[in-house]
Amino acid sequence: MRKSIAIVTAIALIPAAAATATDRAADKKDPNRVICEKQPVVGSRLATKKVCMTAAEWQAKRLEDRQAIEKGQVQRSGVLGN
């Protein structure tokens, strides 16, 4: 009797586990989900600060950082139209 109850319970939990895996995959694609990162504090070896932004804001920040680096590299090398 106990074995059959355990089997029925295990079978009942399978769809719930599959649903949570699907929910997690959908959550990772949501641009409005909040992501927090610990970033080091300049001038300190141990201190960190927690920065939280949405996934879309993190992506925009990465793009801005990349553009600033490329702009600095182009200006430094003098390739800008010469």
C-alpha atoms as a PDB file:
ATOM      1  CA  MET A   1       0.000   0.000   0.000  1.00  0.00           C
ATOM      2  CA  ARG A   2       2.782   2.453   0.900  1.00  0.00           C
ATOM      3  CA  LYS A   3       4.618   1.648  -2.307  1.00  0.00           C
ATOM      4  CA  SER A   4       1.606   2.483  -4.446  1.00  0.00           C
ATOM      5  CA  ILE A   5       1.089   5.793  -2.605  1.00  0.00           C
ATOM      6  CA  ALA A   6       4.737   6.711  -3.166  1.00  0.00           C
ATOM      7  CA  ILE A   7       4.483   5.864  -6.865  1.00  0.00           C
ATOM      8  CA  VAL A   8       1.288   7.888  -7.330  1.00  0.00           C
ATOM      9  CA  THR A   9       2.845  10.842  -5.506  1.00  0.00           C
ATOM     10  CA  ALA A  10       5.984  10.677  -7.661  1.00  0.00           C
ATOM     11  CA  ILE A  11       3.930  10.557 -10.856  1.00  0.00           C
ATOM     12  CA  ALA A  12       1.842  13.518  -9.693  1.00  0.00           C
ATOM     13  CA  LEU A  13       4.976  15.615  -9.117  1.00  0.00           C
ATOM     14  CA  ILE A  14       6.426  15.086 -12.621  1.00  0.00           C
ATOM     15  CA  PRO A  15       4.196  17.692 -14.383  1.00  0.00           C
ATOM     16  CA  ALA A  16       4.914  20.229 -11.623  1.00  0.00           C
ATOM     17  CA  ALA A  17       8.659  19.817 -12.117  1.00  0.00           C
ATOM     18  CA  ALA A  18       8.295  20.207 -15.879  1.00  0.00           C
ATOM     19  CA  ALA A  19       6.201  23.342 -15.416  1.00  0.00           C
ATOM     20  CA  THR A  20       8.811  24.981 -13.185  1.00  0.00           C
ATOM     21  CA  ALA A  21      11.531  24.254 -15.747  1.00  0.00           C
ATOM     22  CA  THR A  22       9.424  25.918 -18.432  1.00  0.00           C
ATOM     23  CA  ASP A  23       8.761  28.889 -16.158  1.00  0.00           C
ATOM     24  CA  ARG A  24      12.474  29.318 -15.516  1.00  0.00           C
ATOM     25  CA  ALA A  25      13.213  29.320 -19.253  1.00  0.00           C
ATOM     26  CA  ALA A  26      10.535  31.954 -19.816  1.00  0.00           C
ATOM     27  CA  ASP A  27      11.873  34.035 -16.913  1.00  0.00           C
ATOM     28  CA  LYS A  28      15.358  34.108 -18.424  1.00  0.00           C
ATOM     29  CA  LYS A  29      13.972  35.688 -21.593  1.00  0.00           C
ATOM     30  CA  ASP A  30      11.944  38.344 -19.756  1.00  0.00           C
ATOM     31  CA  PRO A  31      13.615  41.750 -20.308  1.00  0.00           C
ATOM     32  CA  ASN A  32      11.910  43.146 -17.178  1.00  0.00           C
ATOM     33  CA  ARG A  33      13.382  40.646 -14.718  1.00  0.00           C
ATOM     34  CA  VAL A  34      15.689  42.189 -12.139  1.00  0.00           C
ATOM     35  CA  ILE A  35      19.314  41.060 -12.032  1.00  0.00           C
ATOM     36  CA  CYS A  36      21.613  42.023  -9.157  1.00  0.00           C
ATOM     37  CA  GLU A  37      25.405  41.938  -9.346  1.00  0.00           C
ATOM     38  CA  LYS A  38      28.091  42.640  -6.800  1.00  0.00           C
ATOM     39  CA  GLN A  39      30.608  45.141  -8.131  1.00  0.00           C
ATOM     40  CA  PRO A  40      33.919  46.066  -6.506  1.00  0.00           C
ATOM     41  CA  VAL A  41      34.284  49.523  -4.987  1.00  0.00           C
ATOM     42  CA  VAL A  42      37.127  51.524  -6.528  1.00  0.00           C
ATOM     43  CA  GLY A  43      39.879  52.108  -3.976  1.00  0.00           C
ATOM     44  CA  SER A  44      39.039  49.117  -1.826  1.00  0.00           C
ATOM     45  CA  ARG A  45      40.186  45.532  -2.056  1.00  0.00           C
ATOM     46  CA  LEU A  46      37.324  44.063  -0.060  1.00  0.00           C
ATOM     47  CA  ALA A  47      34.285  46.306  -0.347  1.00  0.00           C
ATOM     48  CA  THR A  48      31.580  45.576  -2.911  1.00  0.00           C
ATOM     49  CA  LYS A  49      28.319  47.227  -3.762  1.00  0.00           C
ATOM     50  CA  LYS A  50      25.158  45.550  -4.986  1.00  0.00           C
ATOM     51  CA  VAL A  51      23.781  46.948  -8.262  1.00  0.00           C
ATOM     52  CA  CYS A  52      20.328  45.868  -9.431  1.00  0.00           C
ATOM     53  CA  MET A  53      18.865  46.625 -12.873  1.00  0.00           C
ATOM     54  CA  THR A  54      16.501  44.968 -15.307  1.00  0.00           C
ATOM     55  CA  ALA A  55      17.890  42.683 -18.003  1.00  0.00           C
ATOM     56  CA  ALA A  56      17.148  45.345 -20.631  1.00  0.00           C
ATOM     57  CA  GLU A  57      19.038  47.988 -18.615  1.00  0.00           C
ATOM     58  CA  TRP A  58      22.056  45.669 -18.230  1.00  0.00           C
ATOM     59  CA  GLN A  59      22.053  45.055 -21.989  1.00  0.00           C
ATOM     60  CA  ALA A  60      21.871  48.802 -22.724  1.00  0.00           C
ATOM     61  CA  LYS A  61      24.726  49.457 -20.273  1.00  0.00           C
ATOM     62  CA  ARG A  62      26.910  46.805 -21.929  1.00  0.00           C
ATOM     63  CA  LEU A  63      26.208  48.363 -25.337  1.00  0.00           C
ATOM     64  CA  GLU A  64      27.075  51.867 -24.087  1.00  0.00           C
ATOM     65  CA  ASP A  65      30.293  50.589 -22.480  1.00  0.00           C
ATOM     66  CA  ARG A  66      31.300  48.787 -25.682  1.00  0.00           C
ATOM     67  CA  GLN A  67      30.633  51.901 -27.789  1.00  0.00           C
ATOM     68  CA  ALA A  68      32.671  54.082 -25.420  1.00  0.00           C
ATOM     69  CA  ILE A  69      35.616  51.677 -25.590  1.00  0.00           C
ATOM     70  CA  GLU A  70      35.477  51.491 -29.382  1.00  0.00           C
ATOM     71  CA  LYS A  71      35.261  55.285 -29.636  1.00  0.00           C
ATOM     72  CA  GLY A  72      38.313  55.664 -27.394  1.00  0.00           C
ATOM     73  CA  GLN A  73      40.280  53.120 -29.421  1.00  0.00           C
ATOM     74  CA  VAL A  74      39.409  54.793 -32.723  1.00  0.00           C
ATOM     75  CA  GLN A  75      40.289  58.275 -31.457  1.00  0.00           C
ATOM     76  CA  ARG A  76      43.566  57.094 -29.964  1.00  0.00           C
ATOM     77  CA  SER A  77      44.734  55.342 -33.114  1.00  0.00           C
ATOM     78  CA  GLY A  78      43.816  58.262 -35.371  1.00  0.00           C
ATOM     79  CA  VAL A  79      41.863  56.026 -37.765  1.00  0.00           C
ATOM     80  CA  LEU A  80      38.838  58.335 -37.697  1.00  0.00           C
ATOM     81  CA  GLY A  81      38.817  59.292 -41.390  1.00  0.00           C
ATOM     82  CA  ASN A  82      42.597  59.544 -41.932  1.00  0.00           C
END
